[in-house]
């Protein structure tokens, strides 16, 4: 018989802005960020981690205020394209992003966390977490945005349900 369950979630969230270059969220994006906070607070996250860009930190700000948590930024969640000898390719970039983003995850996978970044980083991170936990993603209808943010709409992403820190299920997170 199993002991007590240690259920948690890892929420992979694309920022609320349609543009990463925006200096601040406009009224529609700010409204989207507040609506996401309404929903995400139900998960009672203990950690809020963000790419350093303003779009990501501003997206998490309403949730941070409600939960009285700080938004921790990490350069490892940045979607910068790496430079490879010979140019590399999409597979090289995805591996690079997955490795950097995995290192930026909170230390305790049994604590619920929200991670906000660009679509390609989130797609690479989803694959890395599934690979680490030997979780088969083929049963899910997922479009992984490894080649561009346009494939993952602003305010969307995935909720990774975990038991004792191991990935058990993936649910899409629709924009609010």
Protein backbone atom coordinates (compact mmCIF):
# COMPACT_ATOMS: atom_id res chain seq x y z
CA UNK A 1 0.00 0.00 0.00
CA UNK A 2 1.27 3.46 -0.86
CA UNK A 3 1.92 6.08 1.73
CA UNK A 4 0.51 9.57 1.74
CA UNK A 5 0.32 11.27 -1.65
CA UNK A 6 2.44 14.37 -2.20
CA UNK A 7 0.47 16.06 -4.97
CA UNK A 8 1.79 19.21 -6.59
CA UNK A 9 1.73 20.99 -9.92
CA UNK A 10 4.23 22.66 -12.17
CA UNK A 11 2.43 25.31 -14.20
CA UNK A 12 4.23 26.27 -17.42
CA UNK A 13 2.76 29.62 -18.46
CA UNK A 14 3.39 31.82 -21.48
CA UNK A 15 3.29 35.49 -20.55
CA UNK A 16 0.12 37.52 -21.18
CA UNK A 17 1.62 39.82 -23.81
CA UNK A 18 1.54 39.23 -27.55
CA UNK A 19 4.98 40.88 -27.71
CA UNK A 20 8.10 40.21 -25.66
CA UNK A 21 9.36 43.68 -26.49
CA UNK A 22 6.52 45.45 -24.69
CA UNK A 23 7.80 47.69 -21.90
CA UNK A 24 4.60 47.04 -19.94
CA UNK A 25 1.35 45.17 -20.27
CA UNK A 26 -1.43 47.11 -21.96
CA UNK A 27 -4.97 47.06 -20.53
CA UNK A 28 -6.05 43.84 -22.32
CA UNK A 29 -2.87 42.01 -21.28
CA UNK A 30 -3.09 43.30 -17.70
CA UNK A 31 -6.67 42.02 -17.58
CA UNK A 32 -5.47 38.64 -18.87
CA UNK A 33 -2.79 38.57 -16.14
CA UNK A 34 -5.41 39.28 -13.45
CA UNK A 35 -7.70 36.56 -14.84
CA UNK A 36 -4.81 34.10 -14.82
CA UNK A 37 -4.08 35.04 -11.20
CA UNK A 38 -7.73 34.31 -10.33
CA UNK A 39 -7.33 30.80 -11.69
CA UNK A 40 -3.73 30.00 -10.73
CA UNK A 41 -4.16 31.00 -7.09
CA UNK A 42 -6.37 27.89 -6.74
CA UNK A 43 -3.19 25.79 -7.11
CA UNK A 44 -1.64 27.56 -4.09
CA UNK A 45 1.80 27.89 -5.66
CA UNK A 46 4.74 28.24 -3.28
CA UNK A 47 7.18 29.44 -5.96
CA UNK A 48 6.80 31.92 -8.84
CA UNK A 49 9.69 31.77 -11.30
CA UNK A 50 9.99 33.96 -14.38
CA UNK A 51 12.18 34.75 -17.33
CA UNK A 52 13.71 38.18 -16.67
CA UNK A 53 11.72 39.99 -19.38
CA UNK A 54 9.09 42.51 -18.36
CA UNK A 55 6.29 40.58 -20.08
CA UNK A 56 6.85 37.57 -17.80
CA UNK A 57 7.38 39.42 -14.53
CA UNK A 58 4.35 41.65 -15.17
CA UNK A 59 2.23 38.59 -15.98
CA UNK A 60 3.04 37.04 -12.60
CA UNK A 61 2.72 40.31 -10.62
CA UNK A 62 -1.03 40.02 -9.83
CA UNK A 63 -0.58 36.43 -8.63
CA UNK A 64 2.46 37.40 -6.56
CA UNK A 65 0.51 40.24 -4.92
CA UNK A 66 -2.41 37.97 -4.03
CA UNK A 67 -0.21 35.26 -2.58
CA UNK A 68 2.33 37.64 -1.03
CA UNK A 69 5.15 35.91 -2.89
CA UNK A 70 8.14 37.31 -4.71
CA UNK A 71 8.62 36.65 -8.41
CA UNK A 72 12.06 35.07 -8.77
CA UNK A 73 13.71 35.70 -12.14
CA UNK A 74 16.12 33.33 -13.82
CA UNK A 75 18.31 33.87 -16.88
CA UNK A 76 17.89 30.13 -17.52
CA UNK A 77 14.32 30.80 -18.66
CA UNK A 78 15.40 33.24 -21.39
CA UNK A 79 14.60 32.24 -24.98
CA UNK A 80 17.88 33.52 -26.43
CA UNK A 81 19.09 31.55 -29.42
CA UNK A 82 22.40 29.82 -28.70
CA UNK A 83 25.28 30.02 -31.15
CA UNK A 84 26.56 26.66 -32.40
CA UNK A 85 29.42 25.78 -34.74
CA UNK A 86 27.91 25.31 -38.18
CA UNK A 87 24.69 27.01 -37.10
CA UNK A 88 23.05 24.10 -35.27
CA UNK A 89 19.35 23.55 -35.80
CA UNK A 90 16.00 23.30 -34.02
CA UNK A 91 17.00 20.12 -32.16
CA UNK A 92 20.16 21.78 -30.85
CA UNK A 93 18.23 24.85 -29.75
CA UNK A 94 15.53 22.75 -28.02
CA UNK A 95 18.19 20.76 -26.13
CA UNK A 96 19.95 23.98 -25.12
CA UNK A 97 16.72 25.60 -23.90
CA UNK A 98 15.65 22.44 -22.04
CA UNK A 99 18.95 22.12 -20.22
CA UNK A 100 19.04 25.78 -19.16
CA UNK A 101 15.36 25.88 -18.19
CA UNK A 102 15.57 22.62 -16.21
CA UNK A 103 18.36 24.10 -14.13
CA UNK A 104 16.08 27.08 -13.39
CA UNK A 105 13.30 24.94 -11.91
CA UNK A 106 12.67 25.16 -8.17
CA UNK A 107 14.74 22.71 -6.13
CA UNK A 108 11.82 20.85 -4.55
CA UNK A 109 9.54 19.31 -7.23
CA UNK A 110 6.99 18.44 -4.52
CA UNK A 111 6.14 22.14 -4.12
CA UNK A 112 3.70 23.70 -6.57
CA UNK A 113 5.35 26.28 -8.81
CA UNK A 114 4.40 28.58 -11.67
CA UNK A 115 7.05 29.17 -14.34
CA UNK A 116 6.49 31.98 -16.86
CA UNK A 117 8.55 32.16 -20.05
CA UNK A 118 8.38 32.17 -23.85
CA UNK A 119 6.69 29.32 -25.73
CA UNK A 120 9.86 27.61 -27.02
CA UNK A 121 11.34 27.52 -23.50
CA UNK A 122 8.13 26.06 -22.07
CA UNK A 123 7.90 23.42 -24.81
CA UNK A 124 11.51 22.38 -24.23
CA UNK A 125 10.93 22.35 -20.48
CA UNK A 126 7.83 20.15 -20.82
CA UNK A 127 9.83 17.62 -22.84
CA UNK A 128 12.74 17.73 -20.37
CA UNK A 129 10.50 17.12 -17.34
CA UNK A 130 8.72 14.27 -19.12
CA UNK A 131 12.06 12.71 -20.12
CA UNK A 132 13.45 13.04 -16.60
CA UNK A 133 10.40 11.26 -15.17
CA UNK A 134 10.09 8.74 -18.04
CA UNK A 135 6.59 10.04 -18.78
CA UNK A 136 5.24 9.23 -22.24
CA UNK A 137 3.92 12.38 -23.93
CA UNK A 138 2.64 10.52 -27.03
CA UNK A 139 -0.80 10.00 -25.45
CA UNK A 140 -1.40 13.77 -25.33
CA UNK A 141 -2.55 16.02 -28.13
CA UNK A 142 0.25 18.56 -27.71
CA UNK A 143 1.61 21.10 -30.15
CA UNK A 144 5.07 21.88 -28.82
CA UNK A 145 6.24 25.39 -29.80
CA UNK A 146 9.91 24.57 -30.15
CA UNK A 147 10.41 26.78 -33.20
CA UNK A 148 8.51 29.92 -32.21
CA UNK A 149 6.26 31.57 -29.66
CA UNK A 150 3.40 32.00 -32.14
CA UNK A 151 2.33 28.39 -31.59
CA UNK A 152 1.53 29.01 -27.90
CA UNK A 153 -0.98 31.83 -27.41
CA UNK A 154 -0.39 34.48 -24.74
CA UNK A 155 -1.60 33.30 -21.34
CA UNK A 156 -1.67 29.63 -22.26
CA UNK A 157 0.57 26.71 -21.38
CA UNK A 158 0.35 23.45 -19.47
CA UNK A 159 -0.29 22.23 -15.94
CA UNK A 160 1.94 19.30 -15.07
CA UNK A 161 0.37 17.28 -12.28
CA UNK A 162 2.93 15.56 -10.07
CA UNK A 163 2.88 12.93 -7.37
CA UNK A 164 5.84 13.11 -5.02
CA UNK A 165 7.60 15.27 -7.60
CA UNK A 166 7.14 12.87 -10.54
CA UNK A 167 5.08 13.84 -13.58
CA UNK A 168 1.76 11.98 -13.70
CA UNK A 169 -0.41 14.00 -16.10
CA UNK A 170 -0.34 17.02 -18.41
CA UNK A 171 -3.32 19.30 -18.95
CA UNK A 172 -3.48 22.23 -21.35
CA UNK A 173 -3.87 25.65 -19.81
CA UNK A 174 -6.19 27.79 -21.93
CA UNK A 175 -5.78 31.57 -22.07
CA UNK A 176 -8.02 33.47 -19.67
